[in-house]
């Protein structure tokens, strides 16, 4: 039987893991790796330098507007890391 107190603890732990994953996405892909999504995280880590390079080239070509691409990219990656399923399946109490 699941008590209301246990349910609140589990929900709080899930929320804190989601926040940690989103903050870890400052380094793109790290939040996904934290949540056990290793293939997605590695793919993002491989693609990120290329995207930054393209953004720098576009930044020169578009008078700086292209430099917004990495900002939107990191925000999108953080959002995805927050909402993706946690594959680690650790028992409660381990962050």
Protein backbone atom coordinates (compact mmCIF):
# COMPACT_ATOMS: atom_id res chain seq x y z
CA UNK A 1 0.00 0.00 0.00
CA UNK A 2 1.38 3.38 -1.01
CA UNK A 3 0.90 6.05 1.58
CA UNK A 4 0.38 9.70 0.78
CA UNK A 5 3.70 10.58 2.46
CA UNK A 6 5.61 8.06 0.29
CA UNK A 7 3.90 9.41 -2.81
CA UNK A 8 4.98 12.99 -1.98
CA UNK A 9 8.56 11.85 -1.36
CA UNK A 10 8.68 9.99 -4.67
CA UNK A 11 7.21 12.98 -6.53
CA UNK A 12 9.72 15.34 -4.92
CA UNK A 13 12.60 13.02 -5.80
CA UNK A 14 11.41 12.76 -9.41
CA UNK A 15 11.12 16.52 -9.68
CA UNK A 16 14.61 17.05 -8.25
CA UNK A 17 16.06 14.52 -10.72
CA UNK A 18 14.35 16.33 -13.57
CA UNK A 19 15.75 19.68 -12.42
CA UNK A 20 19.25 18.20 -12.09
CA UNK A 21 18.99 16.79 -15.63
CA UNK A 22 17.87 20.15 -17.03
CA UNK A 23 20.67 22.05 -15.27
CA UNK A 24 23.22 19.45 -16.39
CA UNK A 25 22.22 20.22 -19.97
CA UNK A 26 24.38 23.34 -19.84
CA UNK A 27 26.81 20.80 -21.27
CA UNK A 28 24.51 19.47 -24.03
CA UNK A 29 23.83 15.75 -23.59
CA UNK A 30 24.93 15.48 -19.97
CA UNK A 31 21.36 15.67 -18.63
CA UNK A 32 20.31 12.80 -20.89
CA UNK A 33 23.26 10.70 -19.73
CA UNK A 34 22.31 11.52 -16.11
CA UNK A 35 18.84 10.09 -16.73
CA UNK A 36 20.22 6.92 -18.35
CA UNK A 37 19.55 7.89 -21.98
CA UNK A 38 23.11 7.14 -23.06
CA UNK A 39 22.64 6.97 -26.84
CA UNK A 40 20.70 10.22 -27.02
CA UNK A 41 23.20 11.96 -24.73
CA UNK A 42 26.21 10.77 -26.71
CA UNK A 43 24.54 11.81 -29.97
CA UNK A 44 23.85 15.28 -28.63
CA UNK A 45 27.43 15.58 -27.37
CA UNK A 46 28.74 14.65 -30.83
CA UNK A 47 26.41 17.03 -32.71
CA UNK A 48 26.83 20.04 -30.38
CA UNK A 49 30.32 21.20 -31.52
CA UNK A 50 29.17 21.12 -35.15
CA UNK A 51 26.10 23.18 -34.30
CA UNK A 52 28.20 25.75 -32.44
CA UNK A 53 30.56 25.98 -35.42
CA UNK A 54 27.63 26.53 -37.80
CA UNK A 55 26.20 29.17 -35.44
CA UNK A 56 29.50 31.06 -35.42
CA UNK A 57 29.61 31.05 -39.22
CA UNK A 58 25.98 32.20 -39.36
CA UNK A 59 26.75 34.83 -36.72
CA UNK A 60 29.16 36.51 -39.11
CA UNK A 61 26.81 36.13 -42.08
CA UNK A 62 23.71 37.45 -40.29
CA UNK A 63 25.17 40.26 -38.19
CA UNK A 64 25.00 38.20 -35.01
CA UNK A 65 21.47 36.81 -35.27
CA UNK A 66 22.85 33.31 -35.96
CA UNK A 67 24.40 33.35 -32.49
CA UNK A 68 20.93 32.78 -31.04
CA UNK A 69 20.92 29.23 -32.44
CA UNK A 70 23.06 27.75 -29.61
CA UNK A 71 20.89 29.50 -27.00
CA UNK A 72 17.71 27.97 -28.40
CA UNK A 73 19.50 24.64 -28.83
CA UNK A 74 20.55 24.50 -25.16
CA UNK A 75 17.06 25.52 -24.01
CA UNK A 76 15.50 22.78 -26.16
CA UNK A 77 17.99 20.18 -24.89
CA UNK A 78 17.34 21.17 -21.26
CA UNK A 79 13.58 20.96 -21.81
CA UNK A 80 13.94 17.51 -23.38
CA UNK A 81 16.22 16.28 -20.58
CA UNK A 82 13.67 17.48 -18.01
CA UNK A 83 10.79 15.64 -19.66
CA UNK A 84 12.45 12.43 -20.88
CA UNK A 85 11.88 9.23 -18.90
CA UNK A 86 14.46 8.31 -16.26
CA UNK A 87 15.91 4.94 -17.24
CA UNK A 88 18.13 4.51 -14.16
CA UNK A 89 15.43 3.07 -11.89
CA UNK A 90 17.27 3.79 -8.65
CA UNK A 91 15.38 3.22 -5.42
CA UNK A 92 14.17 6.29 -3.56
CA UNK A 93 16.79 8.23 -1.66
CA UNK A 94 19.52 8.10 -4.31
CA UNK A 95 19.64 11.29 -6.28
